[in-house]
Amino acid sequence: MHGFWKRAFIVLLALDLLVVVAVTVWWGTLPKAGSTPSVTSARQAGKPATIQLSIGQDAVNAYLDYALSEQPDLKDTLSYARVSFGETTWQVQLGAKLADRVVPFNVVFTPAIHNGNLELRIDSADLGQVFLPPSALMVILRHLPWPAWISVHGEERALDLNFSQRPQQPYGLRVLRYAPKTRLLTLEVTIVPKTLLQPTS
């Protein structure tokens, strides 16, 4: 029994020494107070950081809530927007601002991605459960005050979201692909760190 406790004490002592050595090595790898890490220099140089992320409809709807309430180029056009991803089509609920009214639309779009931009082709639409011909919807959409990076094409019955023409500050956005099976949209987001510190107008 005495030998067991002796061996246990030696094992615990060895573990304690390993912990002390590990902490000492880790402490030595930390930068000194007067040093500047390389990450800071990259930020000071204003180099953009690019990330890819795949998001579902919940994340898209959360972004739409933010964009329609905070971004002046969108909040004057739409009161609300909700998207539901399907395998080949997207169902979108839109609240368009016309004069002092909000007109509800339910639209089925077929998405197509071109060089980071998104084309939404109208398959069908209704106005409060009443069928609305796509041509009639296009007339309404053309009269909305869209920002410069969103265009309406009547002949193609499409709404083009030209993210390449969208203001790139504080972030740029490109659509890479849509996966019908997982119903995830993959985006490329480019951020210039110094723009995050600049006040927005």
C-alpha atoms as a PDB file:
ATOM      1  CA  MET A   1       0.000   0.000   0.000  1.00  0.00           C
ATOM      2  CA  HIS A   2       2.891   2.321   0.832  1.00  0.00           C
ATOM      3  CA  GLY A   3       4.352   1.661  -2.627  1.00  0.00           C
ATOM      4  CA  PHE A   4       1.054   2.560  -4.319  1.00  0.00           C
ATOM      5  CA  TRP A   5       0.865   5.983  -2.675  1.00  0.00           C
ATOM      6  CA  LYS A   6       4.509   6.597  -3.486  1.00  0.00           C
ATOM      7  CA  ARG A   7       3.890   5.853  -7.188  1.00  0.00           C
ATOM      8  CA  ALA A   8       0.742   8.020  -7.177  1.00  0.00           C
ATOM      9  CA  PHE A   9       2.681  10.920  -5.667  1.00  0.00           C
ATOM     10  CA  ILE A  10       5.368  10.610  -8.345  1.00  0.00           C
ATOM     11  CA  VAL A  11       2.749  10.573 -11.138  1.00  0.00           C
ATOM     12  CA  LEU A  12       1.002  13.689  -9.755  1.00  0.00           C
ATOM     13  CA  LEU A  13       4.331  15.462  -9.377  1.00  0.00           C
ATOM     14  CA  ALA A  14       5.216  14.647 -12.979  1.00  0.00           C
ATOM     15  CA  LEU A  15       1.856  15.987 -14.206  1.00  0.00           C
ATOM     16  CA  ASP A  16       2.366  19.183 -12.225  1.00  0.00           C
ATOM     17  CA  LEU A  17       5.802  19.638 -13.795  1.00  0.00           C
ATOM     18  CA  LEU A  18       4.354  19.121 -17.275  1.00  0.00           C
ATOM     19  CA  VAL A  19       1.723  21.774 -16.637  1.00  0.00           C
ATOM     20  CA  VAL A  20       4.366  24.223 -15.388  1.00  0.00           C
ATOM     21  CA  VAL A  21       6.546  23.566 -18.451  1.00  0.00           C
ATOM     22  CA  ALA A  22       3.586  23.986 -20.826  1.00  0.00           C
ATOM     23  CA  VAL A  23       2.561  27.286 -19.226  1.00  0.00           C
ATOM     24  CA  THR A  24       6.167  28.514 -19.385  1.00  0.00           C
ATOM     25  CA  VAL A  25       6.452  27.662 -23.081  1.00  0.00           C
ATOM     26  CA  TRP A  26       3.090  29.292 -23.840  1.00  0.00           C
ATOM     27  CA  TRP A  27       4.074  32.423 -21.891  1.00  0.00           C
ATOM     28  CA  GLY A  28       7.253  32.676 -23.930  1.00  0.00           C
ATOM     29  CA  THR A  29       5.321  32.663 -27.201  1.00  0.00           C
ATOM     30  CA  LEU A  30       3.217  35.708 -26.241  1.00  0.00           C
ATOM     31  CA  PRO A  31       4.298  39.009 -27.841  1.00  0.00           C
ATOM     32  CA  LYS A  32       5.974  41.588 -25.635  1.00  0.00           C
ATOM     33  CA  ALA A  33       4.081  44.684 -24.620  1.00  0.00           C
ATOM     34  CA  GLY A  34       5.976  46.937 -27.030  1.00  0.00           C
ATOM     35  CA  SER A  35       5.687  44.635 -30.052  1.00  0.00           C
ATOM     36  CA  THR A  36       3.063  44.944 -32.805  1.00  0.00           C
ATOM     37  CA  PRO A  37       1.531  41.757 -34.221  1.00  0.00           C
ATOM     38  CA  SER A  38       1.555  41.246 -37.976  1.00  0.00           C
ATOM     39  CA  VAL A  39      -2.264  41.222 -38.082  1.00  0.00           C
ATOM     40  CA  THR A  40      -2.300  44.878 -37.096  1.00  0.00           C
ATOM     41  CA  SER A  41       0.062  45.830 -39.903  1.00  0.00           C
ATOM     42  CA  ALA A  42      -2.203  44.054 -42.402  1.00  0.00           C
ATOM     43  CA  ARG A  43      -5.161  45.996 -41.123  1.00  0.00           C
ATOM     44  CA  GLN A  44      -3.257  49.261 -41.292  1.00  0.00           C
ATOM     45  CA  ALA A  45      -2.426  48.485 -44.903  1.00  0.00           C
ATOM     46  CA  GLY A  46      -6.164  48.279 -45.590  1.00  0.00           C
ATOM     47  CA  LYS A  47      -5.988  44.851 -47.163  1.00  0.00           C
ATOM     48  CA  PRO A  48      -9.468  43.370 -47.647  1.00  0.00           C
ATOM     49  CA  ALA A  49     -10.425  40.162 -45.892  1.00  0.00           C
ATOM     50  CA  THR A  50     -12.464  37.710 -47.968  1.00  0.00           C
ATOM     51  CA  ILE A  51     -14.576  34.945 -46.462  1.00  0.00           C
ATOM     52  CA  GLN A  52     -17.027  32.422 -47.853  1.00  0.00           C
ATOM     53  CA  LEU A  53     -20.097  31.307 -45.995  1.00  0.00           C
ATOM     54  CA  SER A  54     -23.108  29.150 -46.770  1.00  0.00           C
ATOM     55  CA  ILE A  55     -26.389  30.345 -45.308  1.00  0.00           C
ATOM     56  CA  GLY A  56     -29.985  29.188 -45.240  1.00  0.00           C
ATOM     57  CA  GLN A  57     -33.224  31.101 -45.575  1.00  0.00           C
ATOM     58  CA  ASP A  58     -33.310  32.050 -41.885  1.00  0.00           C
ATOM     59  CA  ALA A  59     -30.020  33.945 -42.187  1.00  0.00           C
ATOM     60  CA  VAL A  60     -31.191  35.590 -45.421  1.00  0.00           C
ATOM     61  CA  ASN A  61     -34.411  36.736 -43.758  1.00  0.00           C
ATOM     62  CA  ALA A  62     -32.479  38.092 -40.777  1.00  0.00           C
ATOM     63  CA  TYR A  63     -30.306  40.105 -43.171  1.00  0.00           C
ATOM     64  CA  LEU A  64     -33.385  41.383 -45.025  1.00  0.00           C
ATOM     65  CA  ASP A  65     -34.873  42.592 -41.740  1.00  0.00           C
ATOM     66  CA  TYR A  66     -31.682  44.563 -41.111  1.00  0.00           C
ATOM     67  CA  ALA A  67     -31.291  45.875 -44.667  1.00  0.00           C
ATOM     68  CA  LEU A  68     -34.880  47.064 -45.013  1.00  0.00           C
ATOM     69  CA  SER A  69     -34.746  48.939 -41.721  1.00  0.00           C
ATOM     70  CA  GLU A  70     -31.208  50.353 -41.834  1.00  0.00           C
ATOM     71  CA  GLN A  71     -30.087  50.797 -45.451  1.00  0.00           C
ATOM     72  CA  PRO A  72     -31.615  53.903 -47.060  1.00  0.00           C
ATOM     73  CA  ASP A  73     -31.373  52.510 -50.603  1.00  0.00           C
ATOM     74  CA  LEU A  74     -33.799  49.699 -49.717  1.00  0.00           C
ATOM     75  CA  LYS A  75     -36.015  50.892 -46.890  1.00  0.00           C
ATOM     76  CA  ASP A  76     -37.758  53.399 -49.172  1.00  0.00           C
ATOM     77  CA  THR A  77     -38.705  50.619 -51.616  1.00  0.00           C
ATOM     78  CA  LEU A  78     -39.851  47.661 -49.537  1.00  0.00           C
ATOM     79  CA  SER A  79     -41.575  47.456 -46.183  1.00  0.00           C
ATOM     80  CA  TYR A  80     -40.712  43.787 -45.717  1.00  0.00           C
ATOM     81  CA  ALA A  81     -39.356  40.771 -47.582  1.00  0.00           C
ATOM     82  CA  ARG A  82     -39.350  37.084 -46.671  1.00  0.00           C
ATOM     83  CA  VAL A  83     -37.845  34.269 -48.690  1.00  0.00           C
ATOM     84  CA  SER A  84     -38.466  30.521 -48.572  1.00  0.00           C
ATOM     85  CA  PHE A  85     -35.938  28.347 -50.407  1.00  0.00           C
ATOM     86  CA  GLY A  86     -37.109  25.431 -52.546  1.00  0.00           C
ATOM     87  CA  GLU A  87     -35.087  23.066 -54.692  1.00  0.00           C
ATOM     88  CA  THR A  88     -35.411  25.037 -57.911  1.00  0.00           C
ATOM     89  CA  THR A  89     -37.563  28.040 -56.984  1.00  0.00           C
ATOM     90  CA  TRP A  90     -37.767  30.591 -54.186  1.00  0.00           C
ATOM     91  CA  GLN A  91     -41.060  31.834 -52.757  1.00  0.00           C
ATOM     92  CA  VAL A  92     -40.816  35.467 -51.728  1.00  0.00           C
ATOM     93  CA  GLN A  93     -43.269  37.648 -49.827  1.00  0.00           C
ATOM     94  CA  LEU A  94     -42.808  41.333 -50.613  1.00  0.00           C
ATOM     95  CA  GLY A  95     -44.367  44.417 -49.101  1.00  0.00           C
ATOM     96  CA  ALA A  96     -43.867  47.109 -51.746  1.00  0.00           C
ATOM     97  CA  LYS A  97     -44.219  50.765 -50.782  1.00  0.00           C
ATOM     98  CA  LEU A  98     -46.527  52.547 -53.214  1.00  0.00           C
ATOM     99  CA  ALA A  99     -47.424  56.118 -52.252  1.00  0.00           C
ATOM    100  CA  ASP A 100     -48.471  55.842 -48.599  1.00  0.00           C
ATOM    101  CA  ARG A 101     -49.534  52.181 -48.854  1.00  0.00           C
ATOM    102  CA  VAL A 102     -47.818  48.808 -48.500  1.00  0.00           C
ATOM    103  CA  VAL A 103     -48.916  46.387 -51.232  1.00  0.00           C
ATOM    104  CA  PRO A 104     -48.355  42.669 -50.427  1.00  0.00           C
ATOM    105  CA  PHE A 105     -47.068  40.366 -53.160  1.00  0.00           C
ATOM    106  CA  ASN A 106     -46.340  36.633 -53.158  1.00  0.00           C
ATOM    107  CA  VAL A 107     -43.863  35.855 -55.920  1.00  0.00           C
ATOM    108  CA  VAL A 108     -42.234  32.624 -57.087  1.00  0.00           C
ATOM    109  CA  PHE A 109     -38.761  33.241 -58.506  1.00  0.00           C
ATOM    110  CA  THR A 110     -36.291  30.990 -60.299  1.00  0.00           C
ATOM    111  CA  PRO A 111     -32.791  32.092 -59.247  1.00  0.00           C
ATOM    112  CA  ALA A 112     -29.831  32.245 -61.639  1.00  0.00           C
ATOM    113  CA  ILE A 113     -26.287  33.279 -60.694  1.00  0.00           C
ATOM    114  CA  HIS A 114     -24.062  35.205 -63.118  1.00  0.00           C
ATOM    115  CA  ASN A 115     -20.553  36.359 -62.157  1.00  0.00           C
ATOM    116  CA  GLY A 116     -21.462  36.956 -58.523  1.00  0.00           C
ATOM    117  CA  ASN A 117     -24.776  38.644 -59.343  1.00  0.00           C
ATOM    118  CA  LEU A 118     -28.246  37.218 -58.817  1.00  0.00           C
ATOM    119  CA  GLU A 119     -31.041  37.128 -61.378  1.00  0.00           C
ATOM    120  CA  LEU A 120     -34.559  36.387 -60.119  1.00  0.00           C
ATOM    121  CA  ARG A 121     -36.896  35.309 -62.902  1.00  0.00           C
ATOM    122  CA  ILE A 122     -40.581  35.580 -62.105  1.00  0.00           C
ATOM    123  CA  ASP A 123     -42.549  32.344 -62.495  1.00  0.00           C
ATOM    124  CA  SER A 124     -45.833  33.406 -60.908  1.00  0.00           C
ATOM    125  CA  ALA A 125     -47.259  36.043 -58.600  1.00  0.00           C
ATOM    126  CA  ASP A 126     -50.387  36.929 -56.676  1.00  0.00           C
ATOM    127  CA  LEU A 127     -51.695  39.978 -54.917  1.00  0.00           C
ATOM    128  CA  GLY A 128     -53.413  38.959 -51.697  1.00  0.00           C
ATOM    129  CA  GLN A 129     -54.445  35.500 -53.000  1.00  0.00           C
ATOM    130  CA  VAL A 130     -55.515  37.017 -56.338  1.00  0.00           C
ATOM    131  CA  PHE A 131     -53.524  35.848 -59.363  1.00  0.00           C
ATOM    132  CA  LEU A 132     -51.390  38.578 -60.867  1.00  0.00           C
ATOM    133  CA  PRO A 133     -49.926  38.170 -64.368  1.00  0.00           C
ATOM    134  CA  PRO A 134     -46.123  38.504 -64.315  1.00  0.00           C
ATOM    135  CA  SER A 135     -46.353  41.254 -66.936  1.00  0.00           C
ATOM    136  CA  ALA A 136     -48.568  43.292 -64.600  1.00  0.00           C
ATOM    137  CA  LEU A 137     -46.161  42.734 -61.720  1.00  0.00           C
ATOM    138  CA  MET A 138     -43.274  43.946 -63.875  1.00  0.00           C
ATOM    139  CA  VAL A 139     -45.118  47.208 -64.528  1.00  0.00           C
ATOM    140  CA  ILE A 140     -45.473  47.728 -60.770  1.00  0.00           C
ATOM    141  CA  LEU A 141     -41.855  46.776 -60.039  1.00  0.00           C
ATOM    142  CA  ARG A 142     -40.540  49.185 -62.681  1.00  0.00           C
ATOM    143  CA  HIS A 143     -42.209  52.081 -60.864  1.00  0.00           C
ATOM    144  CA  LEU A 144     -40.594  51.343 -57.510  1.00  0.00           C
ATOM    145  CA  PRO A 145     -37.591  53.485 -56.441  1.00  0.00           C
ATOM    146  CA  TRP A 146     -34.981  50.722 -56.612  1.00  0.00           C
ATOM    147  CA  PRO A 147     -31.341  51.511 -55.828  1.00  0.00           C
ATOM    148  CA  ALA A 148     -28.975  51.747 -58.803  1.00  0.00           C
ATOM    149  CA  TRP A 149     -27.629  48.202 -58.330  1.00  0.00           C
ATOM    150  CA  ILE A 150     -31.089  46.591 -58.713  1.00  0.00           C
ATOM    151  CA  SER A 151     -32.643  46.604 -62.178  1.00  0.00           C
ATOM    152  CA  VAL A 152     -35.967  45.370 -63.586  1.00  0.00           C
ATOM    153  CA  HIS A 153     -36.089  43.672 -67.005  1.00  0.00           C
ATOM    154  CA  GLY A 154     -39.624  43.507 -68.341  1.00  0.00           C
ATOM    155  CA  GLU A 155     -38.939  41.369 -71.398  1.00  0.00           C
ATOM    156  CA  GLU A 156     -37.127  38.729 -69.369  1.00  0.00           C
ATOM    157  CA  ARG A 157     -39.509  39.111 -66.425  1.00  0.00           C
ATOM    158  CA  ALA A 158     -36.528  39.283 -64.125  1.00  0.00           C
ATOM    159  CA  LEU A 159     -35.227  41.269 -61.191  1.00  0.00           C
ATOM    160  CA  ASP A 160     -31.425  41.635 -61.327  1.00  0.00           C
ATOM    161  CA  LEU A 161     -29.445  42.122 -58.129  1.00  0.00           C
ATOM    162  CA  ASN A 162     -26.092  43.414 -59.410  1.00  0.00           C
ATOM    163  CA  PHE A 163     -23.944  43.035 -56.313  1.00  0.00           C
ATOM    164  CA  SER A 164     -20.852  43.982 -58.338  1.00  0.00           C
ATOM    165  CA  GLN A 165     -22.360  47.473 -58.711  1.00  0.00           C
ATOM    166  CA  ARG A 166     -23.443  47.704 -55.107  1.00  0.00           C
ATOM    167  CA  PRO A 167     -21.384  50.000 -52.806  1.00  0.00           C
ATOM    168  CA  GLN A 168     -18.486  47.909 -51.496  1.00  0.00           C
ATOM    169  CA  GLN A 169     -18.248  49.615 -48.119  1.00  0.00           C
ATOM    170  CA  PRO A 170     -18.329  48.541 -45.415  1.00  0.00           C
ATOM    171  CA  TYR A 171     -18.453  45.167 -47.207  1.00  0.00           C
ATOM    172  CA  GLY A 172     -18.684  43.726 -50.703  1.00  0.00           C
ATOM    173  CA  LEU A 173     -20.891  40.793 -51.617  1.00  0.00           C
ATOM    174  CA  ARG A 174     -20.884  38.154 -54.357  1.00  0.00           C
ATOM    175  CA  VAL A 175     -23.206  35.177 -54.806  1.00  0.00           C
ATOM    176  CA  LEU A 176     -21.225  32.043 -55.641  1.00  0.00           C
ATOM    177  CA  ARG A 177     -23.786  29.229 -55.842  1.00  0.00           C
ATOM    178  CA  TYR A 178     -27.040  27.775 -54.599  1.00  0.00           C
ATOM    179  CA  ALA A 179     -27.270  24.118 -53.552  1.00  0.00           C
ATOM    180  CA  PRO A 180     -30.795  22.761 -54.228  1.00  0.00           C
ATOM    181  CA  LYS A 181     -30.354  19.659 -52.045  1.00  0.00           C
ATOM    182  CA  THR A 182     -29.129  21.456 -48.930  1.00  0.00           C
ATOM    183  CA  ARG A 183     -30.959  24.691 -49.811  1.00  0.00           C
ATOM    184  CA  LEU A 184     -27.928  26.738 -48.850  1.00  0.00           C
ATOM    185  CA  LEU A 185     -26.735  29.895 -50.574  1.00  0.00           C
ATOM    186  CA  THR A 186     -22.953  30.381 -50.681  1.00  0.00           C
ATOM    187  CA  LEU A 187     -21.707  33.958 -50.544  1.00  0.00           C
ATOM    188  CA  GLU A 188     -18.332  35.632 -50.745  1.00  0.00           C
ATOM    189  CA  VAL A 189     -18.022  38.616 -48.423  1.00  0.00           C
ATOM    190  CA  THR A 190     -15.142  41.078 -48.747  1.00  0.00           C
ATOM    191  CA  ILE A 191     -14.415  43.436 -45.873  1.00  0.00           C
ATOM    192  CA  VAL A 192     -11.883  46.265 -45.740  1.00  0.00           C
ATOM    193  CA  PRO A 193     -11.094  46.472 -41.988  1.00  0.00           C
ATOM    194  CA  LYS A 194     -10.524  50.229 -41.865  1.00  0.00           C
ATOM    195  CA  THR A 195     -13.995  50.902 -43.286  1.00  0.00           C
ATOM    196  CA  LEU A 196     -15.567  49.303 -40.221  1.00  0.00           C
ATOM    197  CA  LEU A 197     -14.202  52.162 -38.118  1.00  0.00           C
ATOM    198  CA  GLN A 198     -15.642  54.848 -40.365  1.00  0.00           C
ATOM    199  CA  PRO A 199     -19.048  56.315 -39.453  1.00  0.00           C
ATOM    200  CA  THR A 200     -21.856  55.494 -41.883  1.00  0.00           C
ATOM    201  CA  SER A 201     -24.018  58.269 -43.268  1.00  0.00           C
END
